[in-house]
Amino acid sequence: MTDRIVSTERERESILALLKGRGLPFTIRIAKGKNRSVEQNKLQRLWLREAAEQLCEYTAEEYRGYCKLHFGVAILRNESDKFREVYDRLIRPRSYEEKLELMMVPMDLPVTRIMTTKQKTTYLDDMYVHFTGLGVILTEPKSER
């Protein structure tokens, strides 16, 4: 399945043309909002590097796994019945260490990459509160997340 973000009238017209040319039957899914942005991804990665450099306890990847498990999973479980059902059935019974490992490379369970921009904003806000509460100085974004 291909996801396309439609933000302009031209993009809307393009989608309509695509739909008109598609043979029947087919399935379509339309969701309000858009997926997380490249800027949000860059900010997340920057903050993880800054946390790793300043706290000197874990790598950026380990902090990424921690944040996905503690903040991302909570957001998605709260907002998606399907995510909650699958997570609770397959992941929740595992040990804490296994859950952390599943969040990181090489397994890299999809969490933030399936978020909307609104969900990712909440996620980044949670990260900010957590890391600044530990004394980490994080780069402030230049524009709205």
N, C-alpha and C. Protein backbone atom coordinates (compact mmCIF):
# COMPACT_ATOMS: atom_id res chain seq x y z
N MET A 1 0.84 -1.17 0.00
CA MET A 1 0.00 0.00 0.00
C MET A 1 0.89 1.23 0.00
N THR A 2 0.50 2.23 -0.75
CA THR A 2 1.24 3.47 -0.84
C THR A 2 0.47 4.56 -0.12
N ASP A 3 1.16 5.30 0.73
CA ASP A 3 0.56 6.45 1.40
C ASP A 3 0.95 7.70 0.64
N ARG A 4 0.00 8.58 0.42
CA ARG A 4 0.28 9.87 -0.22
C ARG A 4 -0.35 10.96 0.62
N ILE A 5 0.43 11.96 0.90
CA ILE A 5 -0.07 13.12 1.63
C ILE A 5 -0.60 14.12 0.62
N VAL A 6 -1.82 14.56 0.83
CA VAL A 6 -2.45 15.51 -0.08
C VAL A 6 -2.58 16.84 0.66
N SER A 7 -1.77 17.82 0.23
CA SER A 7 -1.75 19.12 0.91
C SER A 7 -2.17 20.27 0.01
N THR A 8 -2.25 20.02 -1.29
CA THR A 8 -2.60 21.09 -2.22
C THR A 8 -3.72 20.64 -3.14
N GLU A 9 -4.34 21.58 -3.80
CA GLU A 9 -5.39 21.25 -4.76
C GLU A 9 -4.84 20.43 -5.91
N ARG A 10 -3.62 20.75 -6.33
CA ARG A 10 -3.01 20.00 -7.43
C ARG A 10 -2.82 18.53 -7.04
N GLU A 11 -2.38 18.29 -5.82
CA GLU A 11 -2.23 16.92 -5.34
C GLU A 11 -3.58 16.22 -5.24
N ARG A 12 -4.62 16.95 -4.86
CA ARG A 12 -5.96 16.38 -4.80
C ARG A 12 -6.42 15.96 -6.20
N GLU A 13 -6.19 16.82 -7.19
CA GLU A 13 -6.56 16.51 -8.57
C GLU A 13 -5.79 15.29 -9.08
N SER A 14 -4.55 15.17 -8.69
CA SER A 14 -3.73 14.03 -9.09
C SER A 14 -4.31 12.73 -8.52
N ILE A 15 -4.71 12.77 -7.28
CA ILE A 15 -5.33 11.59 -6.65
C ILE A 15 -6.63 11.23 -7.34
N LEU A 16 -7.44 12.23 -7.63
CA LEU A 16 -8.72 11.97 -8.32
C LEU A 16 -8.49 11.33 -9.68
N ALA A 17 -7.49 11.80 -10.41
CA ALA A 17 -7.17 11.21 -11.71
C ALA A 17 -6.71 9.76 -11.54
N LEU A 18 -5.91 9.51 -10.52
CA LEU A 18 -5.45 8.16 -10.25
C LEU A 18 -6.64 7.24 -9.96
N LEU A 19 -7.58 7.71 -9.15
CA LEU A 19 -8.75 6.92 -8.79
C LEU A 19 -9.63 6.64 -10.00
N LYS A 20 -9.81 7.64 -10.85
CA LYS A 20 -10.64 7.46 -12.05
C LYS A 20 -10.05 6.41 -12.98
N GLY A 21 -8.74 6.30 -13.02
CA GLY A 21 -8.08 5.35 -13.91
C GLY A 21 -7.93 3.96 -13.32
N ARG A 22 -8.24 3.80 -12.05
CA ARG A 22 -8.07 2.51 -11.38
C ARG A 22 -9.23 1.58 -11.73
N GLY A 23 -8.90 0.35 -12.05
CA GLY A 23 -9.94 -0.64 -12.31
C GLY A 23 -10.65 -1.05 -11.03
N LEU A 24 -11.87 -1.52 -11.16
CA LEU A 24 -12.65 -1.95 -10.00
C LEU A 24 -12.50 -3.45 -9.83
N PRO A 25 -12.59 -3.98 -8.67
CA PRO A 25 -12.74 -3.29 -7.38
C PRO A 25 -11.38 -2.90 -6.81
N PHE A 26 -11.37 -1.99 -5.86
CA PHE A 26 -10.17 -1.65 -5.11
C PHE A 26 -10.58 -1.11 -3.76
N THR A 27 -9.60 -1.02 -2.86
CA THR A 27 -9.84 -0.53 -1.51
C THR A 27 -9.07 0.76 -1.33
N ILE A 28 -9.67 1.71 -0.66
CA ILE A 28 -9.01 2.99 -0.39
C ILE A 28 -9.18 3.32 1.09
N ARG A 29 -8.17 3.94 1.64
CA ARG A 29 -8.22 4.37 3.03
C ARG A 29 -7.83 5.85 3.06
N ILE A 30 -8.64 6.67 3.69
CA ILE A 30 -8.35 8.10 3.80
C ILE A 30 -8.27 8.44 5.28
N ALA A 31 -7.21 9.12 5.66
CA ALA A 31 -7.02 9.51 7.05
C ALA A 31 -6.78 11.01 7.12
N LYS A 32 -7.31 11.63 8.15
CA LYS A 32 -7.09 13.05 8.36
C LYS A 32 -5.67 13.27 8.87
N GLY A 33 -5.06 14.34 8.44
CA GLY A 33 -3.71 14.66 8.88
C GLY A 33 -2.69 14.09 7.92
N LYS A 34 -1.45 14.11 8.35
CA LYS A 34 -0.36 13.56 7.53
C LYS A 34 0.63 12.88 8.44
N ASN A 35 1.48 12.06 7.84
CA ASN A 35 2.50 11.36 8.60
C ASN A 35 3.53 12.34 9.13
N ARG A 36 4.32 11.87 10.06
CA ARG A 36 5.31 12.74 10.67
C ARG A 36 6.20 13.33 9.59
N SER A 37 6.79 14.46 9.90
CA SER A 37 7.54 15.20 8.89
C SER A 37 9.04 14.90 8.98
N VAL A 38 9.73 15.21 7.90
CA VAL A 38 11.19 15.06 7.85
C VAL A 38 11.82 15.92 8.95
N GLU A 39 11.29 17.11 9.15
CA GLU A 39 11.83 18.01 10.18
C GLU A 39 11.70 17.39 11.56
N GLN A 40 10.56 16.74 11.81
CA GLN A 40 10.38 16.08 13.11
C GLN A 40 11.38 14.95 13.28
N ASN A 41 11.60 14.20 12.22
CA ASN A 41 12.57 13.10 12.29
C ASN A 41 13.97 13.61 12.58
N LYS A 42 14.36 14.69 11.90
CA LYS A 42 15.69 15.27 12.12
C LYS A 42 15.84 15.77 13.55
N LEU A 43 14.79 16.41 14.08
CA LEU A 43 14.84 16.91 15.44
C LEU A 43 14.96 15.77 16.44
N GLN A 44 14.20 14.71 16.22
CA GLN A 44 14.28 13.54 17.10
C GLN A 44 15.70 12.98 17.12
N ARG A 45 16.29 12.78 15.96
CA ARG A 45 17.64 12.23 15.88
C ARG A 45 18.66 13.16 16.54
N LEU A 46 18.51 14.46 16.34
CA LEU A 46 19.41 15.43 16.97
C LEU A 46 19.32 15.33 18.49
N TRP A 47 18.11 15.32 19.02
CA TRP A 47 17.93 15.24 20.46
C TRP A 47 18.50 13.94 21.03
N LEU A 48 18.33 12.84 20.31
CA LEU A 48 18.89 11.58 20.79
C LEU A 48 20.41 11.62 20.85
N ARG A 49 21.01 12.22 19.84
CA ARG A 49 22.48 12.38 19.85
C ARG A 49 22.91 13.28 21.01
N GLU A 50 22.18 14.38 21.21
CA GLU A 50 22.52 15.30 22.29
C GLU A 50 22.40 14.62 23.65
N ALA A 51 21.35 13.82 23.83
CA ALA A 51 21.17 13.10 25.09
C ALA A 51 22.32 12.12 25.31
N ALA A 52 22.68 11.39 24.26
CA ALA A 52 23.77 10.42 24.38
C ALA A 52 25.09 11.11 24.71
N GLU A 53 25.35 12.24 24.07
CA GLU A 53 26.60 12.97 24.30
C GLU A 53 26.66 13.57 25.70
N GLN A 54 25.54 14.08 26.20
CA GLN A 54 25.55 14.77 27.49
C GLN A 54 25.40 13.82 28.68
N LEU A 55 24.62 12.78 28.53
CA LEU A 55 24.40 11.86 29.64
C LEU A 55 25.47 10.77 29.71
N CYS A 56 26.07 10.46 28.58
CA CYS A 56 27.18 9.49 28.52
C CYS A 56 26.84 8.16 29.17
N GLU A 57 25.57 7.77 29.13
CA GLU A 57 25.18 6.50 29.74
C GLU A 57 24.78 5.47 28.69
N TYR A 58 24.08 5.92 27.66
CA TYR A 58 23.61 5.04 26.60
C TYR A 58 23.90 5.67 25.25
N THR A 59 23.80 4.87 24.20
CA THR A 59 23.96 5.38 22.84
C THR A 59 22.67 6.06 22.39
N ALA A 60 22.76 6.80 21.31
CA ALA A 60 21.57 7.44 20.75
C ALA A 60 20.54 6.37 20.36
N GLU A 61 20.99 5.25 19.83
CA GLU A 61 20.07 4.17 19.46
C GLU A 61 19.38 3.58 20.68
N GLU A 62 20.09 3.44 21.78
CA GLU A 62 19.47 2.93 23.01
C GLU A 62 18.44 3.93 23.55
N TYR A 63 18.74 5.21 23.47
CA TYR A 63 17.75 6.21 23.89
C TYR A 63 16.55 6.21 22.94
N ARG A 64 16.79 5.96 21.66
CA ARG A 64 15.69 5.88 20.70
C ARG A 64 14.76 4.72 21.08
N GLY A 65 15.34 3.57 21.41
CA GLY A 65 14.53 2.43 21.83
C GLY A 65 13.74 2.74 23.09
N TYR A 66 14.39 3.40 24.05
CA TYR A 66 13.73 3.78 25.29
C TYR A 66 12.54 4.71 25.01
N CYS A 67 12.76 5.72 24.19
CA CYS A 67 11.70 6.68 23.89
C CYS A 67 10.55 6.04 23.13
N LYS A 68 10.87 5.18 22.18
CA LYS A 68 9.82 4.49 21.43
C LYS A 68 8.97 3.67 22.39
N LEU A 69 9.62 2.94 23.30
CA LEU A 69 8.89 2.08 24.23
C LEU A 69 8.09 2.88 25.24
N HIS A 70 8.70 3.90 25.83
CA HIS A 70 8.04 4.62 26.91
C HIS A 70 7.05 5.69 26.44
N PHE A 71 7.35 6.36 25.35
CA PHE A 71 6.49 7.45 24.90
C PHE A 71 5.67 7.06 23.67
N GLY A 72 6.32 6.50 22.67
CA GLY A 72 5.64 6.18 21.42
C GLY A 72 4.57 5.11 21.56
N VAL A 73 4.92 4.03 22.24
CA VAL A 73 3.94 2.95 22.42
C VAL A 73 2.72 3.46 23.18
N ALA A 74 2.93 4.27 24.19
CA ALA A 74 1.80 4.81 24.96
C ALA A 74 0.88 5.65 24.08
N ILE A 75 1.46 6.48 23.23
CA ILE A 75 0.66 7.32 22.33
C ILE A 75 -0.15 6.45 21.38
N LEU A 76 0.50 5.49 20.74
CA LEU A 76 -0.20 4.66 19.76
C LEU A 76 -1.21 3.73 20.42
N ARG A 77 -0.91 3.18 21.58
CA ARG A 77 -1.88 2.33 22.28
C ARG A 77 -3.12 3.13 22.65
N ASN A 78 -2.92 4.39 23.01
CA ASN A 78 -4.03 5.25 23.40
C ASN A 78 -4.92 5.64 22.21
N GLU A 79 -4.33 5.74 21.02
CA GLU A 79 -5.05 6.29 19.88
C GLU A 79 -5.40 5.28 18.79
N SER A 80 -4.94 4.04 18.91
CA SER A 80 -5.21 3.06 17.86
C SER A 80 -5.60 1.72 18.47
N ASP A 81 -6.85 1.34 18.28
CA ASP A 81 -7.32 0.05 18.78
C ASP A 81 -6.53 -1.10 18.16
N LYS A 82 -6.25 -1.00 16.87
CA LYS A 82 -5.51 -2.06 16.17
C LYS A 82 -4.10 -2.19 16.72
N PHE A 83 -3.39 -1.06 16.88
CA PHE A 83 -2.04 -1.10 17.44
C PHE A 83 -2.07 -1.70 18.84
N ARG A 84 -3.01 -1.24 19.67
CA ARG A 84 -3.10 -1.72 21.06
C ARG A 84 -3.34 -3.24 21.09
N GLU A 85 -4.24 -3.72 20.25
CA GLU A 85 -4.55 -5.16 20.23
C GLU A 85 -3.32 -5.98 19.86
N VAL A 86 -2.63 -5.59 18.80
CA VAL A 86 -1.46 -6.34 18.35
C VAL A 86 -0.31 -6.21 19.35
N TYR A 87 -0.05 -5.00 19.82
CA TYR A 87 1.03 -4.79 20.78
C TYR A 87 0.77 -5.61 22.05
N ASP A 88 -0.46 -5.52 22.57
CA ASP A 88 -0.78 -6.22 23.82
C ASP A 88 -0.70 -7.74 23.66
N ARG A 89 -1.01 -8.22 22.50
CA ARG A 89 -0.98 -9.66 22.26
C ARG A 89 0.45 -10.18 22.03
N LEU A 90 1.25 -9.45 21.25
CA LEU A 90 2.56 -9.95 20.85
C LEU A 90 3.74 -9.42 21.65
N ILE A 91 3.66 -8.17 22.10
CA ILE A 91 4.83 -7.53 22.72
C ILE A 91 4.69 -7.38 24.23
N ARG A 92 3.53 -6.98 24.69
CA ARG A 92 3.36 -6.67 26.11
C ARG A 92 3.75 -7.81 27.05
N PRO A 93 3.50 -9.08 26.70
CA PRO A 93 3.89 -10.16 27.62
C PRO A 93 5.40 -10.36 27.75
N ARG A 94 6.19 -9.76 26.89
CA ARG A 94 7.65 -9.96 26.90
C ARG A 94 8.29 -9.19 28.06
N SER A 95 9.51 -9.55 28.37
CA SER A 95 10.25 -8.85 29.42
C SER A 95 10.59 -7.44 28.95
N TYR A 96 10.90 -6.58 29.90
CA TYR A 96 11.26 -5.20 29.59
C TYR A 96 12.47 -5.16 28.66
N GLU A 97 13.46 -5.98 28.93
CA GLU A 97 14.67 -6.02 28.12
C GLU A 97 14.36 -6.43 26.68
N GLU A 98 13.47 -7.41 26.51
CA GLU A 98 13.08 -7.85 25.17
C GLU A 98 12.33 -6.74 24.43
N LYS A 99 11.46 -6.04 25.14
CA LYS A 99 10.72 -4.93 24.53
C LYS A 99 11.68 -3.86 24.03
N LEU A 100 12.66 -3.50 24.86
CA LEU A 100 13.65 -2.50 24.44
C LEU A 100 14.40 -2.98 23.21
N GLU A 101 14.81 -4.22 23.21
CA GLU A 101 15.54 -4.77 22.07
C GLU A 101 14.70 -4.74 20.80
N LEU A 102 13.41 -5.01 20.91
CA LEU A 102 12.53 -4.98 19.75
C LEU A 102 12.37 -3.57 19.18
N MET A 103 12.57 -2.56 20.00
CA MET A 103 12.42 -1.18 19.55
C MET A 103 13.63 -0.70 18.74
N MET A 104 14.76 -1.38 18.91
CA MET A 104 16.01 -0.92 18.30
C MET A 104 16.40 -1.77 17.10
N VAL A 105 17.34 -1.26 16.32
CA VAL A 105 17.92 -1.98 15.21
C VAL A 105 18.60 -3.23 15.79
N PRO A 106 18.46 -4.41 15.23
CA PRO A 106 17.96 -4.67 13.88
C PRO A 106 16.46 -4.92 13.77
N MET A 107 15.75 -5.14 14.88
CA MET A 107 14.31 -5.42 14.79
C MET A 107 13.52 -4.15 14.45
N ASP A 108 13.74 -3.08 15.20
CA ASP A 108 13.19 -1.76 14.90
C ASP A 108 11.69 -1.77 14.67
N LEU A 109 10.94 -2.23 15.67
CA LEU A 109 9.49 -2.28 15.60
C LEU A 109 8.93 -0.91 15.19
N PRO A 110 8.08 -0.86 14.18
CA PRO A 110 7.53 0.43 13.75
C PRO A 110 6.70 1.09 14.86
N VAL A 111 7.12 2.25 15.26
CA VAL A 111 6.38 3.04 16.25
C VAL A 111 6.26 4.46 15.70
N THR A 112 7.36 5.21 15.71
CA THR A 112 7.28 6.60 15.27
C THR A 112 7.00 6.73 13.78
N ARG A 113 7.42 5.76 12.98
CA ARG A 113 7.20 5.89 11.54
C ARG A 113 5.75 5.68 11.14
N ILE A 114 4.90 5.23 12.05
CA ILE A 114 3.48 5.11 11.72
C ILE A 114 2.66 6.22 12.39
N MET A 115 3.34 7.19 12.98
CA MET A 115 2.66 8.29 13.65
C MET A 115 2.26 9.39 12.67
N THR A 116 1.20 10.10 13.04
CA THR A 116 0.84 11.33 12.34
C THR A 116 1.73 12.46 12.86
N THR A 117 1.69 13.60 12.20
CA THR A 117 2.49 14.74 12.69
C THR A 117 2.04 15.15 14.08
N LYS A 118 0.76 15.07 14.36
CA LYS A 118 0.25 15.43 15.69
C LYS A 118 0.78 14.47 16.75
N GLN A 119 0.74 13.18 16.45
CA GLN A 119 1.27 12.19 17.38
C GLN A 119 2.76 12.38 17.58
N LYS A 120 3.47 12.66 16.50
CA LYS A 120 4.92 12.85 16.60
C LYS A 120 5.24 14.10 17.40
N THR A 121 4.41 15.13 17.31
CA THR A 121 4.60 16.33 18.12
C THR A 121 4.47 15.99 19.60
N THR A 122 3.46 15.21 19.94
CA THR A 122 3.29 14.78 21.32
C THR A 122 4.50 13.97 21.78
N TYR A 123 4.97 13.09 20.92
CA TYR A 123 6.14 12.26 21.20
C TYR A 123 7.37 13.14 21.46
N LEU A 124 7.61 14.11 20.60
CA LEU A 124 8.75 15.01 20.78
C LEU A 124 8.61 15.83 22.05
N ASP A 125 7.41 16.26 22.36
CA ASP A 125 7.18 16.99 23.61
C ASP A 125 7.52 16.11 24.81
N ASP A 126 7.12 14.85 24.77
CA ASP A 126 7.43 13.92 25.85
C ASP A 126 8.94 13.71 25.98
N MET A 127 9.61 13.57 24.84
CA MET A 127 11.07 13.44 24.85
C MET A 127 11.71 14.67 25.47
N TYR A 128 11.24 15.84 25.08
CA TYR A 128 11.80 17.10 25.56
C TYR A 128 11.69 17.19 27.08
N VAL A 129 10.51 16.91 27.60
CA VAL A 129 10.29 16.96 29.05
C VAL A 129 11.20 15.96 29.76
N HIS A 130 11.29 14.76 29.22
CA HIS A 130 12.10 13.72 29.85
C HIS A 130 13.58 14.12 29.89
N PHE A 131 14.12 14.46 28.74
CA PHE A 131 15.56 14.73 28.68
C PHE A 131 15.94 16.03 29.36
N THR A 132 15.16 17.08 29.22
CA THR A 132 15.51 18.32 29.92
C THR A 132 15.36 18.14 31.42
N GLY A 133 14.44 17.26 31.84
CA GLY A 133 14.30 16.94 33.26
C GLY A 133 15.53 16.25 33.82
N LEU A 134 16.30 15.62 32.96
CA LEU A 134 17.56 14.98 33.35
C LEU A 134 18.75 15.92 33.23
N GLY A 135 18.47 17.18 32.84
CA GLY A 135 19.53 18.18 32.72
C GLY A 135 20.13 18.30 31.33
N VAL A 136 19.60 17.59 30.36
CA VAL A 136 20.12 17.66 29.00
C VAL A 136 19.68 18.97 28.37
N ILE A 137 20.61 19.64 27.72
CA ILE A 137 20.29 20.86 26.98
C ILE A 137 20.03 20.45 25.54
N LEU A 138 18.79 20.60 25.09
CA LEU A 138 18.40 20.19 23.74
C LEU A 138 18.29 21.40 22.82
N THR A 139 18.65 21.22 21.59
CA THR A 139 18.52 22.27 20.58
C THR A 139 17.04 22.59 20.41
N GLU A 140 16.72 23.86 20.47
CA GLU A 140 15.33 24.29 20.26
C GLU A 140 15.04 24.32 18.77
N PRO A 141 13.89 23.79 18.36
CA PRO A 141 13.56 23.82 16.93
C PRO A 141 13.37 25.25 16.45
N LYS A 142 13.75 25.50 15.18
CA LYS A 142 13.66 26.85 14.63
C LYS A 142 12.25 27.21 14.23
N SER A 143 11.43 26.17 13.93
CA SER A 143 10.05 26.43 13.54
C SER A 143 9.14 25.47 14.28
N GLU A 144 7.83 25.64 14.07
CA GLU A 144 6.85 24.76 14.69
C GLU A 144 7.11 23.32 14.29
N ARG A 145 6.97 22.43 15.26
CA ARG A 145 7.09 21.01 14.97
C ARG A 145 5.79 20.62 14.38
